[in-house]
C-alpha atoms as a PDB file:
ATOM      1  CA  MET A   1      31.473  72.791 177.575  1.00  0.00           C
ATOM      2  CA  PRO A   2      29.679  70.849 175.511  1.00  0.00           C
ATOM      3  CA  GLU A   3      28.971  67.900 176.875  1.00  0.00           C
ATOM      4  CA  PRO A   4      27.613  64.590 174.659  1.00  0.00           C
ATOM      5  CA  GLY A   5      23.842  64.347 173.766  1.00  0.00           C
ATOM      6  CA  GLY A   6      24.403  68.090 173.319  1.00  0.00           C
ATOM      7  CA  LYS A   7      23.546  70.258 170.340  1.00  0.00           C
ATOM      8  CA  LYS A   8      27.183  71.098 170.095  1.00  0.00           C
ATOM      9  CA  TYR A   9      28.308  67.836 170.562  1.00  0.00           C
ATOM     10  CA  ASP A  10      25.747  66.194 168.225  1.00  0.00           C
ATOM     11  CA  THR A  11      26.982  69.116 166.118  1.00  0.00           C
ATOM     12  CA  ARG A  12      31.127  68.303 166.171  1.00  0.00           C
ATOM     13  CA  ARG A  13      30.709  65.016 165.459  1.00  0.00           C
ATOM     14  CA  ALA A  14      28.307  64.633 163.095  1.00  0.00           C
ATOM     15  CA  ARG A  15      31.430  67.335 160.694  1.00  0.00           C
ATOM     16  CA  LEU A  16      34.124  64.846 162.348  1.00  0.00           C
ATOM     17  CA  ARG A  17      32.017  62.495 160.508  1.00  0.00           C
ATOM     18  CA  LYS A  18      32.129  63.837 157.552  1.00  0.00           C
ATOM     19  CA  ASP A  19      35.579  64.107 156.932  1.00  0.00           C
ATOM     20  CA  ALA A  20      36.379  60.783 158.110  1.00  0.00           C
ATOM     21  CA  GLU A  21      34.106  59.993 155.300  1.00  0.00           C
ATOM     22  CA  ASP A  22      35.235  62.582 152.981  1.00  0.00           C
ATOM     23  CA  ALA A  23      38.716  60.593 153.667  1.00  0.00           C
ATOM     24  CA  GLY A  24      37.431  57.380 152.622  1.00  0.00           C
ATOM     25  CA  ILE A  25      36.961  56.132 155.672  1.00  0.00           C
ATOM     26  CA  SER A  26      33.691  53.643 155.802  1.00  0.00           C
ATOM     27  CA  ASP A  27      30.120  54.652 157.040  1.00  0.00           C
ATOM     28  CA  GLN A  28      30.077  52.755 160.513  1.00  0.00           C
ATOM     29  CA  ASP A  29      34.479  53.467 160.824  1.00  0.00           C
ATOM     30  CA  ALA A  30      33.586  57.287 160.212  1.00  0.00           C
ATOM     31  CA  ASN A  31      31.156  57.193 163.089  1.00  0.00           C
ATOM     32  CA  ASP A  32      33.366  55.417 165.453  1.00  0.00           C
ATOM     33  CA  THR A  33      36.445  57.771 165.178  1.00  0.00           C
ATOM     34  CA  ALA A  34      34.323  60.785 165.161  1.00  0.00           C
ATOM     35  CA  ASN A  35      33.043  59.101 168.512  1.00  0.00           C
ATOM     36  CA  GLU A  36      36.781  57.914 169.704  1.00  0.00           C
ATOM     37  CA  THR A  37      38.135  61.539 169.023  1.00  0.00           C
ATOM     38  CA  LEU A  38      35.843  63.486 171.451  1.00  0.00           C
ATOM     39  CA  GLN A  39      35.271  61.241 174.038  1.00  0.00           C
ATOM     40  CA  ASP A  40      39.424  61.386 174.780  1.00  0.00           C
ATOM     41  CA  ASP A  41      39.583  64.894 174.282  1.00  0.00           C
ATOM     42  CA  PRO A  42      38.576  65.910 178.139  1.00  0.00           C
ATOM     43  CA  SER A  43      37.255  69.362 176.469  1.00  0.00           C
ATOM     44  CA  TRP A  44      33.688  67.659 175.003  1.00  0.00           C
ATOM     45  CA  GLN A  45      33.685  65.050 178.581  1.00  0.00           C
ATOM     46  CA  SER A  46      30.743  65.000 180.690  1.00  0.00           C
ATOM     47  CA  ARG A  47      31.024  67.182 184.317  1.00  0.00           C
ATOM     48  CA  GLY A  48      29.386  64.737 185.409  1.00  0.00           C
ATOM     49  CA  PRO A  49      25.603  66.198 187.772  1.00  0.00           C
ATOM     50  CA  ARG A  50      25.213  69.486 188.353  1.00  0.00           C
ATOM     51  CA  THR A  51      22.496  69.586 190.255  1.00  0.00           C
ATOM     52  CA  GLU A  52      21.769  67.619 194.068  1.00  0.00           C
ATOM     53  CA  ARG A  53      19.128  66.121 192.227  1.00  0.00           C
ATOM     54  CA  GLY A  54      21.802  64.795 189.723  1.00  0.00           C
ATOM     55  CA  ARG A  55      23.263  62.641 191.747  1.00  0.00           C
ATOM     56  CA  GLY A  56      19.992  60.656 192.227  1.00  0.00           C
ATOM     57  CA  PRO A  57      17.799  59.818 195.716  1.00  0.00           C
ATOM     58  CA  LYS A  58      18.796  61.254 198.597  1.00  0.00           C
ATOM     59  CA  GLY A  59      19.129  57.746 199.867  1.00  0.00           C
ATOM     60  CA  GLU A  60      21.430  56.319 197.772  1.00  0.00           C
ATOM     61  CA  ARG A  61      23.705  59.353 197.560  1.00  0.00           C
ATOM     62  CA  SER A  62      27.214  58.365 198.417  1.00  0.00           C
ATOM     63  CA  GLY A  63      28.466  60.221 201.637  1.00  0.00           C
ATOM     64  CA  ASN A  64      24.966  60.291 203.680  1.00  0.00           C
ATOM     65  CA  GLN A  65      24.336  58.953 206.529  1.00  0.00           C
ATOM     66  CA  HIS A  66      20.930  57.822 207.333  1.00  0.00           C
ATOM     67  CA  ASN A  67      18.894  57.323 211.272  1.00  0.00           C
ATOM     68  CA  ASP A  68      17.069  54.604 210.871  1.00  0.00           C
END
């Protein structure tokens, strides 16, 4: 599943932006429209961290118990 910042996501955003520009939408509005379209589509949204390390420092993760 493509995620924001990935190559497939960026390629899709560029194509959507070009299509919007070809339809007569201004550059800035075309960029905003492309981003909104991808962000609203669940198949293009981030799934979150894939590893424990991606969740942040071990002491700050939710659900951890400290025995200090």
